[in-house]
């Protein structure tokens, strides 16, 4: 029986290792690119905001500044 120096199992592992290497390298490259694009990202505030009291008549909608800004962007 003639056996090649590498069996099919070894070739499969070599391909898998190569794929893993390239996948890891591309992930590291993407993270490095993202880090350079956002160098001054503010740190998250660890203190939680105080919860608002529950409305007396139910419901939870409040017209906040964020909602007002959204409404301004939807006007034609």
Protein backbone atom coordinates (compact mmCIF):
# COMPACT_ATOMS: atom_id res chain seq x y z
CA UNK A 1 0.00 0.00 0.00
CA UNK A 2 1.41 3.42 -0.96
CA UNK A 3 0.86 6.08 1.65
CA UNK A 4 1.57 9.70 0.95
CA UNK A 5 3.66 11.62 3.49
CA UNK A 6 0.52 13.42 4.65
CA UNK A 7 -2.72 11.67 5.28
CA UNK A 8 -6.02 13.36 4.45
CA UNK A 9 -6.64 14.01 8.14
CA UNK A 10 -3.39 15.98 8.48
CA UNK A 11 -4.20 18.02 5.36
CA UNK A 12 -7.60 18.88 6.79
CA UNK A 13 -6.04 20.09 10.04
CA UNK A 14 -3.46 22.19 8.17
CA UNK A 15 -6.23 23.88 6.18
CA UNK A 16 -8.24 24.48 9.30
CA UNK A 17 -5.26 26.03 11.05
CA UNK A 18 -4.61 28.31 8.08
CA UNK A 19 -8.26 29.37 8.02
CA UNK A 20 -8.20 30.04 11.75
CA UNK A 21 -5.04 32.12 11.37
CA UNK A 22 -6.51 34.27 8.60
CA UNK A 23 -9.82 34.68 10.44
CA UNK A 24 -8.00 35.79 13.56
CA UNK A 25 -5.80 38.20 11.60
CA UNK A 26 -8.80 39.78 9.91
CA UNK A 27 -10.58 40.15 13.25
CA UNK A 28 -7.56 41.86 14.78
CA UNK A 29 -7.30 44.15 11.76
CA UNK A 30 -10.96 45.13 12.01
CA UNK A 31 -10.61 45.89 15.71
CA UNK A 32 -7.51 47.99 15.09
CA UNK A 33 -9.30 49.96 12.38
CA UNK A 34 -12.27 50.57 14.67
CA UNK A 35 -9.97 51.71 17.47
CA UNK A 36 -8.31 54.30 15.24
CA UNK A 37 -11.63 55.63 14.02
CA UNK A 38 -13.00 56.16 17.54
CA UNK A 39 -10.03 57.32 19.62
CA UNK A 40 -11.96 59.74 21.84
CA UNK A 41 -14.96 57.61 22.66
CA UNK A 42 -16.26 58.64 26.07
CA UNK A 43 -16.11 56.07 28.83
CA UNK A 44 -19.43 54.71 29.96
CA UNK A 45 -20.88 56.33 33.02
CA UNK A 46 -20.91 53.74 35.78
CA UNK A 47 -23.49 55.60 37.87
CA UNK A 48 -26.99 54.62 36.86
CA UNK A 49 -29.53 57.35 36.24
CA UNK A 50 -32.26 57.64 38.82
CA UNK A 51 -35.44 55.95 37.65
CA UNK A 52 -38.37 58.24 36.97
CA UNK A 53 -41.48 57.83 39.08
CA UNK A 54 -44.30 55.85 37.53
CA UNK A 55 -47.03 57.96 35.89
CA UNK A 56 -50.18 58.39 37.98
CA UNK A 57 -52.58 57.51 35.15
CA UNK A 58 -50.53 54.75 33.59
CA UNK A 59 -48.66 54.81 30.33
CA UNK A 60 -45.03 55.62 30.01
CA UNK A 61 -44.75 58.04 27.08
CA UNK A 62 -42.89 61.26 27.75
CA UNK A 63 -42.09 63.96 25.24
CA UNK A 64 -38.34 64.13 25.80
CA UNK A 65 -35.76 66.18 23.90
CA UNK A 66 -34.79 63.08 21.96
CA UNK A 67 -38.37 62.53 20.80
CA UNK A 68 -38.74 66.22 19.87
CA UNK A 69 -35.59 66.02 17.78
CA UNK A 70 -36.95 62.97 15.98
CA UNK A 71 -40.19 64.76 15.21
CA UNK A 72 -38.20 67.70 13.77
CA UNK A 73 -36.35 65.33 11.40
CA UNK A 74 -39.59 63.81 10.08
CA UNK A 75 -41.17 67.11 9.01
CA UNK A 76 -41.34 67.68 5.29
